[in-house]
PDB file of N, CA and C in Angstrom:
ATOM      1  N   MET A   1      59.534 247.007  61.726  1.00  0.00           N
ATOM      2  CA  MET A   1      60.645 246.556  61.298  1.00  0.00           C
ATOM      3  C   MET A   1      61.405 246.045  62.616  1.00  0.00           C
ATOM      4  N   THR A   2      61.552 246.620  63.527  1.00  0.00           N
ATOM      5  CA  THR A   2      62.293 246.283  64.852  1.00  0.00           C
ATOM      6  C   THR A   2      61.696 245.040  65.282  1.00  0.00           C
ATOM      7  N   ASP A   3      60.407 245.000  65.487  1.00  0.00           N
ATOM      8  CA  ASP A   3      59.661 243.856  66.043  1.00  0.00           C
ATOM      9  C   ASP A   3      60.009 242.662  65.245  1.00  0.00           C
ATOM     10  N   GLN A   4      60.015 242.799  63.875  1.00  0.00           N
ATOM     11  CA  GLN A   4      60.223 241.761  63.089  1.00  0.00           C
ATOM     12  C   GLN A   4      61.599 241.144  63.164  1.00  0.00           C
ATOM     13  N   ASN A   5      62.628 242.011  63.339  1.00  0.00           N
ATOM     14  CA  ASN A   5      64.055 241.683  63.634  1.00  0.00           C
ATOM     15  C   ASN A   5      64.274 240.898  64.865  1.00  0.00           C
ATOM     16  N   ASN A   6      63.376 241.533  65.994  1.00  0.00           N
ATOM     17  CA  ASN A   6      63.524 240.761  67.284  1.00  0.00           C
ATOM     18  C   ASN A   6      62.947 239.506  67.305  1.00  0.00           C
ATOM     19  N   GLN A   7      61.900 239.277  66.466  1.00  0.00           N
ATOM     20  CA  GLN A   7      61.276 237.908  66.411  1.00  0.00           C
ATOM     21  C   GLN A   7      62.071 237.035  65.592  1.00  0.00           C
ATOM     22  N   THR A   8      62.677 237.517  64.634  1.00  0.00           N
ATOM     23  CA  THR A   8      63.873 236.629  63.807  1.00  0.00           C
ATOM     24  C   THR A   8      64.845 236.173  64.840  1.00  0.00           C
ATOM     25  N   ASN A   9      65.398 237.108  65.574  1.00  0.00           N
ATOM     26  CA  ASN A   9      66.539 236.862  66.365  1.00  0.00           C
ATOM     27  C   ASN A   9      65.974 235.899  67.437  1.00  0.00           C
ATOM     28  N   GLU A  10      64.852 235.933  67.906  1.00  0.00           N
ATOM     29  CA  GLU A  10      64.382 235.048  68.955  1.00  0.00           C
ATOM     30  C   GLU A  10      64.158 233.633  68.314  1.00  0.00           C
ATOM     31  N   ASP A  11      63.763 233.528  67.163  1.00  0.00           N
ATOM     32  CA  ASP A  11      63.484 232.277  66.378  1.00  0.00           C
ATOM     33  C   ASP A  11      64.784 231.601  66.176  1.00  0.00           C
ATOM     34  N   ASN A  12      65.890 232.457  65.785  1.00  0.00           N
ATOM     35  CA  ASN A  12      67.272 231.807  65.695  1.00  0.00           C
ATOM     36  C   ASN A  12      67.884 231.380  67.040  1.00  0.00           C
ATOM     37  N   THR A  13      67.641 232.140  67.981  1.00  0.00           N
ATOM     38  CA  THR A  13      68.056 231.731  69.369  1.00  0.00           C
ATOM     39  C   THR A  13      67.321 230.492  69.622  1.00  0.00           C
ATOM     40  N   ASN A  14      65.963 230.403  69.619  1.00  0.00           N
ATOM     41  CA  ASN A  14      65.292 229.166  69.868  1.00  0.00           C
ATOM     42  C   ASN A  14      65.897 227.967  69.157  1.00  0.00           C
ATOM     43  N   ASN A  15      66.037 228.186  67.792  1.00  0.00           N
ATOM     44  CA  ASN A  15      66.533 227.074  66.962  1.00  0.00           C
ATOM     45  C   ASN A  15      68.122 226.816  67.405  1.00  0.00           C
ATOM     46  N   LEU A  16      68.747 227.686  67.719  1.00  0.00           N
ATOM     47  CA  LEU A  16      70.241 227.531  68.211  1.00  0.00           C
ATOM     48  C   LEU A  16      69.940 226.603  69.634  1.00  0.00           C
ATOM     49  N   SER A  17      69.167 227.026  70.436  1.00  0.00           N
ATOM     50  CA  SER A  17      69.068 226.343  71.612  1.00  0.00           C
ATOM     51  C   SER A  17      68.572 224.920  71.347  1.00  0.00           C
ATOM     52  N   ILE A  18      67.647 224.638  70.540  1.00  0.00           N
ATOM     53  CA  ILE A  18      67.381 223.220  70.137  1.00  0.00           C
ATOM     54  C   ILE A  18      68.543 222.570  69.713  1.00  0.00           C
ATOM     55  N   GLU A  19      69.197 223.207  68.725  1.00  0.00           N
ATOM     56  CA  GLU A  19      70.180 222.496  68.176  1.00  0.00           C
ATOM     57  C   GLU A  19      71.301 222.141  69.245  1.00  0.00           C
ATOM     58  N   ARG A  20      71.618 223.239  70.232  1.00  0.00           N
ATOM     59  CA  ARG A  20      72.640 222.839  71.217  1.00  0.00           C
ATOM     60  C   ARG A  20      72.065 221.755  72.143  1.00  0.00           C
ATOM     61  N   LYS A  21      70.802 221.825  72.384  1.00  0.00           N
ATOM     62  CA  LYS A  21      70.227 220.671  73.134  1.00  0.00           C
ATOM     63  C   LYS A  21      70.353 219.291  72.490  1.00  0.00           C
ATOM     64  N   ASN A  22      70.195 219.231  71.216  1.00  0.00           N
ATOM     65  CA  ASN A  22      70.434 218.024  70.562  1.00  0.00           C
ATOM     66  C   ASN A  22      71.961 217.679  70.603  1.00  0.00           C
ATOM     67  N   ALA A  23      72.760 218.686  70.386  1.00  0.00           N
ATOM     68  CA  ALA A  23      74.120 218.358  70.402  1.00  0.00           C
ATOM     69  C   ALA A  23      74.575 217.760  71.716  1.00  0.00           C
ATOM     70  N   ALA A  24      74.144 218.387  72.770  1.00  0.00           N
ATOM     71  CA  ALA A  24      74.284 217.852  74.135  1.00  0.00           C
ATOM     72  C   ALA A  24      73.905 216.571  74.345  1.00  0.00           C
ATOM     73  N   ILE A  25      72.765 216.080  73.830  1.00  0.00           N
ATOM     74  CA  ILE A  25      72.172 214.793  73.905  1.00  0.00           C
ATOM     75  C   ILE A  25      73.235 213.837  73.156  1.00  0.00           C
ATOM     76  N   VAL A  26      73.558 214.213  71.903  1.00  0.00           N
ATOM     77  CA  VAL A  26      74.457 213.336  71.202  1.00  0.00           C
ATOM     78  C   VAL A  26      75.862 213.158  72.026  1.00  0.00           C
ATOM     79  N   LEU A  27      76.317 214.167  72.626  1.00  0.00           N
ATOM     80  CA  LEU A  27      77.604 214.010  73.442  1.00  0.00           C
ATOM     81  C   LEU A  27      77.413 213.304  74.540  1.00  0.00           C
ATOM     82  N   ALA A  28      76.162 213.350  75.308  1.00  0.00           N
ATOM     83  CA  ALA A  28      75.762 212.536  76.432  1.00  0.00           C
ATOM     84  C   ALA A  28      75.729 211.161  76.010  1.00  0.00           C
ATOM     85  N   ASN A  29      74.909 210.789  75.020  1.00  0.00           N
ATOM     86  CA  ASN A  29      74.994 209.410  74.593  1.00  0.00           C
ATOM     87  C   ASN A  29      76.327 208.802  74.204  1.00  0.00           C
ATOM     88  N   GLU A  30      77.192 209.542  73.640  1.00  0.00           N
ATOM     89  CA  GLU A  30      78.552 209.227  73.181  1.00  0.00           C
ATOM     90  C   GLU A  30      79.211 208.814  74.608  1.00  0.00           C
ATOM     91  N   PHE A  31      79.105 209.760  75.415  1.00  0.00           N
ATOM     92  CA  PHE A  31      79.845 209.621  76.894  1.00  0.00           C
ATOM     93  C   PHE A  31      79.354 208.170  77.561  1.00  0.00           C
ATOM     94  N   MET A  32      77.966 208.107  77.468  1.00  0.00           N
ATOM     95  CA  MET A  32      77.490 206.847  78.099  1.00  0.00           C
ATOM     96  C   MET A  32      77.972 205.559  77.415  1.00  0.00           C
ATOM     97  N   GLY A  33      78.035 205.631  76.068  1.00  0.00           N
ATOM     98  CA  GLY A  33      78.443 204.553  75.327  1.00  0.00           C
ATOM     99  C   GLY A  33      79.882 204.070  75.600  1.00  0.00           C
ATOM    100  N   GLN A  34      80.607 205.150  76.048  1.00  0.00           N
ATOM    101  CA  GLN A  34      82.169 204.792  76.316  1.00  0.00           C
ATOM    102  C   GLN A  34      82.428 204.827  77.647  1.00  0.00           C
ATOM    103  N   ALA A  35      81.698 205.272  78.442  1.00  0.00           N
ATOM    104  CA  ALA A  35      81.954 205.354  79.816  1.00  0.00           C
ATOM    105  C   ALA A  35      82.184 204.048  80.587  1.00  0.00           C
ATOM    106  N   THR A  36      83.127 204.086  81.402  1.00  0.00           N
ATOM    107  CA  THR A  36      83.332 202.885  82.249  1.00  0.00           C
ATOM    108  C   THR A  36      82.474 202.789  83.539  1.00  0.00           C
ATOM    109  N   LEU A  37      82.414 201.890  84.236  1.00  0.00           N
ATOM    110  CA  LEU A  37      81.466 201.878  85.453  1.00  0.00           C
ATOM    111  C   LEU A  37      82.187 202.984  86.312  1.00  0.00           C
ATOM    112  N   GLY A  38      83.394 203.003  86.505  1.00  0.00           N
ATOM    113  CA  GLY A  38      84.046 203.877  87.495  1.00  0.00           C
ATOM    114  C   GLY A  38      83.804 205.382  87.046  1.00  0.00           C
ATOM    115  N   GLU A  39      83.891 205.643  85.836  1.00  0.00           N
ATOM    116  CA  GLU A  39      83.509 207.005  85.261  1.00  0.00           C
ATOM    117  C   GLU A  39      82.056 207.339  85.611  1.00  0.00           C
ATOM    118  N   ALA A  40      81.148 206.369  85.203  1.00  0.00           N
ATOM    119  CA  ALA A  40      79.713 206.635  85.435  1.00  0.00           C
ATOM    120  C   ALA A  40      79.441 206.818  86.979  1.00  0.00           C
ATOM    121  N   LEU A  41      80.055 206.132  87.766  1.00  0.00           N
ATOM    122  CA  LEU A  41      79.706 206.225  89.243  1.00  0.00           C
ATOM    123  C   LEU A  41      80.406 207.472  89.755  1.00  0.00           C
ATOM    124  N   SER A  42      81.434 207.974  89.086  1.00  0.00           N
ATOM    125  CA  SER A  42      82.066 209.062  89.639  1.00  0.00           C
ATOM    126  C   SER A  42      81.256 210.331  89.464  1.00  0.00           C
ATOM    127  N   GLN A  43      80.172 210.384  88.596  1.00  0.00           N
ATOM    128  CA  GLN A  43      79.364 211.357  88.363  1.00  0.00           C
ATOM    129  C   GLN A  43      78.228 211.465  89.343  1.00  0.00           C
ATOM    130  N   VAL A  44      78.023 210.450  90.208  1.00  0.00           N
ATOM    131  CA  VAL A  44      76.891 210.330  91.014  1.00  0.00           C
ATOM    132  C   VAL A  44      77.557 210.256  92.506  1.00  0.00           C
ATOM    133  N   SER A  45      76.926 210.889  93.509  1.00  0.00           N
ATOM    134  CA  SER A  45      77.317 210.995  94.884  1.00  0.00           C
ATOM    135  C   SER A  45      76.941 209.679  95.569  1.00  0.00           C
ATOM    136  N   LEU A  46      77.788 209.438  96.494  1.00  0.00           N
ATOM    137  CA  LEU A  46      77.690 208.199  97.317  1.00  0.00           C
ATOM    138  C   LEU A  46      76.242 208.215  97.920  1.00  0.00           C
ATOM    139  N   ASN A  47      75.831 209.239  98.403  1.00  0.00           N
ATOM    140  CA  ASN A  47      74.522 209.437  99.021  1.00  0.00           C
ATOM    141  C   ASN A  47      73.573 209.067  98.090  1.00  0.00           C
ATOM    142  N   ALA A  48      73.476 209.599  96.867  1.00  0.00           N
ATOM    143  CA  ALA A  48      72.427 209.319  95.813  1.00  0.00           C
ATOM    144  C   ALA A  48      72.561 207.716  95.508  1.00  0.00           C
ATOM    145  N   LEU A  49      73.685 207.191  95.430  1.00  0.00           N
ATOM    146  CA  LEU A  49      73.738 205.720  95.323  1.00  0.00           C
ATOM    147  C   LEU A  49      73.058 204.916  96.375  1.00  0.00           C
ATOM    148  N   ILE A  50      73.332 205.191  97.587  1.00  0.00           N
ATOM    149  CA  ILE A  50      72.838 204.606  98.698  1.00  0.00           C
ATOM    150  C   ILE A  50      71.369 204.756  98.736  1.00  0.00           C
ATOM    151  N   GLN A  51      70.886 205.899  98.568  1.00  0.00           N
ATOM    152  CA  GLN A  51      69.386 206.174  98.464  1.00  0.00           C
ATOM    153  C   GLN A  51      68.748 205.346  97.437  1.00  0.00           C
ATOM    154  N   LEU A  52      69.285 205.358  96.222  1.00  0.00           N
ATOM    155  CA  LEU A  52      68.777 204.520  95.110  1.00  0.00           C
ATOM    156  C   LEU A  52      68.707 203.029  95.507  1.00  0.00           C
ATOM    157  N   ALA A  53      69.844 202.671  96.079  1.00  0.00           N
ATOM    158  CA  ALA A  53      69.770 201.164  96.506  1.00  0.00           C
ATOM    159  C   ALA A  53      68.774 200.824  97.599  1.00  0.00           C
ATOM    160  N   GLN A  54      68.652 201.850  98.541  1.00  0.00           N
ATOM    161  CA  GLN A  54      67.694 201.632  99.475  1.00  0.00           C
ATOM    162  C   GLN A  54      66.221 201.575  99.065  1.00  0.00           C
ATOM    163  N   ASN A  55      66.002 202.574  97.996  1.00  0.00           N
ATOM    164  CA  ASN A  55      64.654 202.650  97.334  1.00  0.00           C
ATOM    165  C   ASN A  55      64.400 201.413  96.750  1.00  0.00           C
ATOM    166  N   LYS A  56      65.283 200.700  95.992  1.00  0.00           N
ATOM    167  CA  LYS A  56      65.111 199.588  95.280  1.00  0.00           C
ATOM    168  C   LYS A  56      64.857 198.308  96.235  1.00  0.00           C
ATOM    169  N   ALA A  57      65.741 198.363  97.258  1.00  0.00           N
ATOM    170  CA  ALA A  57      65.466 197.279  98.139  1.00  0.00           C
ATOM    171  C   ALA A  57      64.212 197.176  98.807  1.00  0.00           C
ATOM    172  N   VAL A  58      63.569 198.424  99.282  1.00  0.00           N
ATOM    173  CA  VAL A  58      62.329 198.429  99.975  1.00  0.00           C
ATOM    174  C   VAL A  58      61.316 198.069  98.880  1.00  0.00           C
ATOM    175  N   GLU A  59      61.452 198.558  97.685  1.00  0.00           N
ATOM    176  CA  GLU A  59      60.373 198.227  96.560  1.00  0.00           C
ATOM    177  C   GLU A  59      60.414 196.653  96.253  1.00  0.00           C
ATOM    178  N   GLN A  60      61.630 196.013  96.259  1.00  0.00           N
ATOM    179  CA  GLN A  60      61.682 194.655  96.036  1.00  0.00           C
ATOM    180  C   GLN A  60      61.015 193.831  97.412  1.00  0.00           C
ATOM    181  N   GLY A  61      61.263 194.380  98.567  1.00  0.00           N
ATOM    182  CA  GLY A  61      60.894 193.799  99.585  1.00  0.00           C
ATOM    183  C   GLY A  61      59.305 193.772  99.708  1.00  0.00           C
ATOM    184  N   GLN A  62      58.859 195.034  99.367  1.00  0.00           N
ATOM    185  CA  GLN A  62      57.298 195.229  99.335  1.00  0.00           C
ATOM    186  C   GLN A  62      56.647 194.305  98.340  1.00  0.00           C
ATOM    187  N   GLN A  63      57.375 194.012  97.130  1.00  0.00           N
ATOM    188  CA  GLN A  63      56.751 193.231  96.187  1.00  0.00           C
ATOM    189  C   GLN A  63      56.755 191.817  96.585  1.00  0.00           C
ATOM    190  N   GLN A  64      57.896 191.343  97.240  1.00  0.00           N
ATOM    191  CA  GLN A  64      57.899 189.983  97.708  1.00  0.00           C
ATOM    192  C   GLN A  64      56.861 189.679  98.723  1.00  0.00           C
ATOM    193  N   VAL A  65      56.702 190.622  99.806  1.00  0.00           N
ATOM    194  CA  VAL A  65      55.759 190.511 100.805  1.00  0.00           C
ATOM    195  C   VAL A  65      54.364 190.450 100.290  1.00  0.00           C
ATOM    196  N   GLN A  66      54.076 191.110  99.231  1.00  0.00           N
ATOM    197  CA  GLN A  66      52.642 191.058  98.625  1.00  0.00           C
ATOM    198  C   GLN A  66      52.408 189.680  98.059  1.00  0.00           C
ATOM    199  N   GLU A  67      53.319 188.971  97.664  1.00  0.00           N
ATOM    200  CA  GLU A  67      53.309 187.746  97.067  1.00  0.00           C
ATOM    201  C   GLU A  67      53.170 186.537  97.988  1.00  0.00           C
ATOM    202  N   MET A  68      53.411 186.959  99.358  1.00  0.00           N
ATOM    203  CA  MET A  68      53.647 185.859 100.468  1.00  0.00           C
ATOM    204  C   MET A  68      52.326 185.685 101.113  1.00  0.00           C
ATOM    205  N   THR A  69      52.041 184.560 101.666  1.00  0.00           N
ATOM    206  CA  THR A  69      50.815 184.334 102.435  1.00  0.00           C
ATOM    207  C   THR A  69      51.157 184.936 103.890  1.00  0.00           C
ATOM    208  N   ASP A  70      50.079 184.994 104.614  1.00  0.00           N
ATOM    209  CA  ASP A  70      50.068 185.436 106.071  1.00  0.00           C
ATOM    210  C   ASP A  70      51.044 184.591 106.803  1.00  0.00           C
ATOM    211  N   GLU A  71      51.046 183.187 106.542  1.00  0.00           N
ATOM    212  CA  GLU A  71      51.878 182.227 107.347  1.00  0.00           C
ATOM    213  C   GLU A  71      53.290 182.458 106.888  1.00  0.00           C
ATOM    214  N   GLN A  72      53.625 182.771 105.608  1.00  0.00           N
ATOM    215  CA  GLN A  72      54.991 182.996 105.227  1.00  0.00           C
ATOM    216  C   GLN A  72      55.505 184.250 105.893  1.00  0.00           C
ATOM    217  N   VAL A  73      54.681 185.252 106.047  1.00  0.00           N
ATOM    218  CA  VAL A  73      55.148 186.497 106.681  1.00  0.00           C
ATOM    219  C   VAL A  73      55.290 186.192 108.207  1.00  0.00           C
ATOM    220  N   ASP A  74      54.539 185.503 108.795  1.00  0.00           N
ATOM    221  CA  ASP A  74      54.746 185.145 110.288  1.00  0.00           C
ATOM    222  C   ASP A  74      56.024 184.288 110.375  1.00  0.00           C
ATOM    223  N   GLN A  75      56.202 183.401 109.512  1.00  0.00           N
ATOM    224  CA  GLN A  75      57.587 182.603 109.717  1.00  0.00           C
ATOM    225  C   GLN A  75      58.630 183.487 109.440  1.00  0.00           C
ATOM    226  N   LEU A  76      58.654 184.294 108.444  1.00  0.00           N
ATOM    227  CA  LEU A  76      59.785 185.295 108.226  1.00  0.00           C
ATOM    228  C   LEU A  76      60.033 185.974 109.433  1.00  0.00           C
ATOM    229  N   LEU A  77      58.964 186.645 109.991  1.00  0.00           N
ATOM    230  CA  LEU A  77      59.239 187.503 111.191  1.00  0.00           C
ATOM    231  C   LEU A  77      59.842 186.464 112.414  1.00  0.00           C
ATOM    232  N   GLU A  78      59.292 185.401 112.427  1.00  0.00           N
ATOM    233  CA  GLU A  78      59.812 184.590 113.677  1.00  0.00           C
ATOM    234  C   GLU A  78      61.371 184.377 113.426  1.00  0.00           C
ATOM    235  N   VAL A  79      61.738 184.006 112.237  1.00  0.00           N
ATOM    236  CA  VAL A  79      63.100 183.816 111.803  1.00  0.00           C
ATOM    237  C   VAL A  79      63.914 184.917 112.134  1.00  0.00           C
ATOM    238  N   VAL A  80      63.412 186.166 111.807  1.00  0.00           N
ATOM    239  CA  VAL A  80      64.153 187.246 111.980  1.00  0.00           C
ATOM    240  C   VAL A  80      64.351 187.502 113.665  1.00  0.00           C
ATOM    241  N   ALA A  81      63.301 187.176 114.348  1.00  0.00           N
ATOM    242  CA  ALA A  81      63.384 187.388 115.766  1.00  0.00           C
ATOM    243  C   ALA A  81      64.323 186.529 116.396  1.00  0.00           C
ATOM    244  N   GLN A  82      64.361 185.224 115.965  1.00  0.00           N
ATOM    245  CA  GLN A  82      65.311 184.386 116.552  1.00  0.00           C
ATOM    246  C   GLN A  82      66.732 184.784 116.119  1.00  0.00           C
ATOM    247  N   LYS A  83      66.997 185.170 114.962  1.00  0.00           N
ATOM    248  CA  LYS A  83      68.278 185.667 114.679  1.00  0.00           C
ATOM    249  C   LYS A  83      68.745 186.861 115.356  1.00  0.00           C
ATOM    250  N   GLN A  84      67.808 187.750 115.739  1.00  0.00           N
ATOM    251  CA  GLN A  84      68.153 188.985 116.566  1.00  0.00           C
ATOM    252  C   GLN A  84      68.407 188.463 118.021  1.00  0.00           C
ATOM    253  N   GLN A  85      67.682 187.563 118.491  1.00  0.00           N
ATOM    254  CA  GLN A  85      68.039 186.906 119.899  1.00  0.00           C
ATOM    255  C   GLN A  85      69.369 186.394 119.938  1.00  0.00           C
ATOM    256  N   GLN A  86      69.697 185.637 118.808  1.00  0.00           N
ATOM    257  CA  GLN A  86      71.072 184.904 118.763  1.00  0.00           C
ATOM    258  C   GLN A  86      72.108 186.098 118.687  1.00  0.00           C
ATOM    259  N   THR A  87      71.964 187.040 117.911  1.00  0.00           N
ATOM    260  CA  THR A  87      73.003 188.177 117.787  1.00  0.00           C
ATOM    261  C   THR A  87      73.065 188.744 119.214  1.00  0.00           C
ATOM    262  N   GLU A  88      72.080 189.111 119.866  1.00  0.00           N
ATOM    263  CA  GLU A  88      72.130 189.704 120.957  1.00  0.00           C
ATOM    264  C   GLU A  88      72.824 188.916 122.209  1.00  0.00           C
ATOM    265  N   ALA A  89      72.695 187.518 122.168  1.00  0.00           N
ATOM    266  CA  ALA A  89      73.226 186.782 122.959  1.00  0.00           C
ATOM    267  C   ALA A  89      74.799 186.554 122.674  1.00  0.00           C
ATOM    268  N   ALA A  90      75.064 186.554 121.423  1.00  0.00           N
ATOM    269  CA  ALA A  90      76.371 186.522 121.017  1.00  0.00           C
ATOM    270  C   ALA A  90      77.251 187.829 121.465  1.00  0.00           C
ATOM    271  N   ALA A  91      76.381 189.009 121.349  1.00  0.00           N
ATOM    272  CA  ALA A  91      77.110 190.306 121.660  1.00  0.00           C
ATOM    273  C   ALA A  91      77.321 190.303 123.145  1.00  0.00           C
ATOM    274  N   GLN A  92      76.436 189.668 124.069  1.00  0.00           N
ATOM    275  CA  GLN A  92      76.628 189.618 125.499  1.00  0.00           C
ATOM    276  C   GLN A  92      77.797 188.651 125.921  1.00  0.00           C
ATOM    277  N   GLN A  93      77.918 187.639 125.052  1.00  0.00           N
ATOM    278  CA  GLN A  93      79.048 186.689 125.436  1.00  0.00           C
ATOM    279  C   GLN A  93      80.289 187.360 125.077  1.00  0.00           C
ATOM    280  N   THR A  94      80.315 188.121 123.964  1.00  0.00           N
ATOM    281  CA  THR A  94      81.602 188.878 123.567  1.00  0.00           C
ATOM    282  C   THR A  94      81.965 189.947 124.590  1.00  0.00           C
ATOM    283  N   GLU A  95      80.962 190.678 125.058  1.00  0.00           N
ATOM    284  CA  GLU A  95      81.300 191.704 125.985  1.00  0.00           C
ATOM    285  C   GLU A  95      81.737 191.099 127.363  1.00  0.00           C
ATOM    286  N   ALA A  96      81.149 190.048 127.851  1.00  0.00           N
ATOM    287  CA  ALA A  96      81.554 189.286 128.978  1.00  0.00           C
ATOM    288  C   ALA A  96      82.886 188.905 128.943  1.00  0.00           C
ATOM    289  N   ALA A  97      83.390 188.251 127.738  1.00  0.00           N
ATOM    290  CA  ALA A  97      84.760 187.879 127.462  1.00  0.00           C
ATOM    291  C   ALA A  97      85.697 189.063 127.441  1.00  0.00           C
ATOM    292  N   ALA A  98      85.270 190.214 127.025  1.00  0.00           N
ATOM    293  CA  ALA A  98      86.187 191.376 126.726  1.00  0.00           C
ATOM    294  C   ALA A  98      86.287 191.850 128.280  1.00  0.00           C
ATOM    295  N   GLN A  99      85.297 191.836 129.148  1.00  0.00           N
ATOM    296  CA  GLN A  99      85.418 192.263 130.360  1.00  0.00           C
ATOM    297  C   GLN A  99      86.342 191.465 131.337  1.00  0.00           C
ATOM    298  N   GLN A 100      86.175 190.091 131.039  1.00  0.00           N
ATOM    299  CA  GLN A 100      87.020 189.131 131.759  1.00  0.00           C
ATOM    300  C   GLN A 100      88.498 189.508 131.439  1.00  0.00           C
ATOM    301  N   ALA A 101      88.813 189.604 130.021  1.00  0.00           N
ATOM    302  CA  ALA A 101      90.184 189.873 129.669  1.00  0.00           C
ATOM    303  C   ALA A 101      90.704 191.071 130.211  1.00  0.00           C
ATOM    304  N   VAL A 102      89.982 192.179 130.353  1.00  0.00           N
ATOM    305  CA  VAL A 102      90.367 193.302 130.841  1.00  0.00           C
ATOM    306  C   VAL A 102      90.640 193.219 132.401  1.00  0.00           C
ATOM    307  N   SER A 103      89.861 192.487 133.049  1.00  0.00           N
ATOM    308  CA  SER A 103      90.011 192.125 134.412  1.00  0.00           C
ATOM    309  C   SER A 103      91.294 191.327 134.667  1.00  0.00           C
ATOM    310  N   GLU A 104      91.594 190.397 133.883  1.00  0.00           N
ATOM    311  CA  GLU A 104      92.698 189.554 134.010  1.00  0.00           C
ATOM    312  C   GLU A 104      93.958 190.460 133.646  1.00  0.00           C
ATOM    313  N   ILE A 105      93.992 191.285 132.831  1.00  0.00           N
ATOM    314  CA  ILE A 105      95.179 192.092 132.479  1.00  0.00           C
ATOM    315  C   ILE A 105      95.409 193.044 133.543  1.00  0.00           C
ATOM    316  N   SER A 106      94.261 193.560 134.145  1.00  0.00           N
ATOM    317  CA  SER A 106      94.515 194.618 135.131  1.00  0.00           C
ATOM    318  C   SER A 106      94.977 194.019 136.455  1.00  0.00           C
ATOM    319  N   LYS A 107      94.671 192.541 136.787  1.00  0.00           N
ATOM    320  CA  LYS A 107      95.173 191.930 137.896  1.00  0.00           C
ATOM    321  C   LYS A 107      96.744 191.732 137.620  1.00  0.00           C
ATOM    322  N   GLN A 108      97.050 191.355 136.359  1.00  0.00           N
ATOM    323  CA  GLN A 108      98.514 191.023 136.007  1.00  0.00           C
ATOM    324  C   GLN A 108      99.325 192.301 136.109  1.00  0.00           C
ATOM    325  N   THR A 109      98.687 193.420 135.605  1.00  0.00           N
ATOM    326  CA  THR A 109      99.400 194.734 135.847  1.00  0.00           C
ATOM    327  C   THR A 109      99.532 195.048 137.194  1.00  0.00           C
ATOM    328  N   ALA A 110      98.602 194.895 138.015  1.00  0.00           N
ATOM    329  CA  ALA A 110      98.780 195.243 139.457  1.00  0.00           C
ATOM    330  C   ALA A 110      99.670 194.588 140.237  1.00  0.00           C
ATOM    331  N   THR A 111      99.812 193.308 139.984  1.00  0.00           N
ATOM    332  CA  THR A 111     100.819 192.399 140.687  1.00  0.00           C
ATOM    333  C   THR A 111     102.151 192.534 140.155  1.00  0.00           C
ATOM    334  N   SER A 112     102.339 193.082 138.951  1.00  0.00           N
ATOM    335  CA  SER A 112     103.544 193.403 138.377  1.00  0.00           C
ATOM    336  C   SER A 112     104.568 194.373 139.025  1.00  0.00           C
TER     337      SER A 112
END
């Protein structure tokens, strides 16, 4: 008799658990239907969003590269290399201008 009561209690608990899971799903769907973007994003960490965006970007990049010819890949890499050289040159010019400005200010301060 005790075993039968235990089994009945376990069955009721399992049914209750299924009912609670279904209720939770209903509430979650209701929340998602009414949630604003801000509310939805507040439930996810910034790191998780960044990781998701990075993964999606890599996936899209890989898909595009698969659709490209070898020539197109070479051209893309050449353009990237040229842009990198331009960026480095601009950074060197900026650094030189900053050093010159500091030098001039130092001279003006020293003579004052």
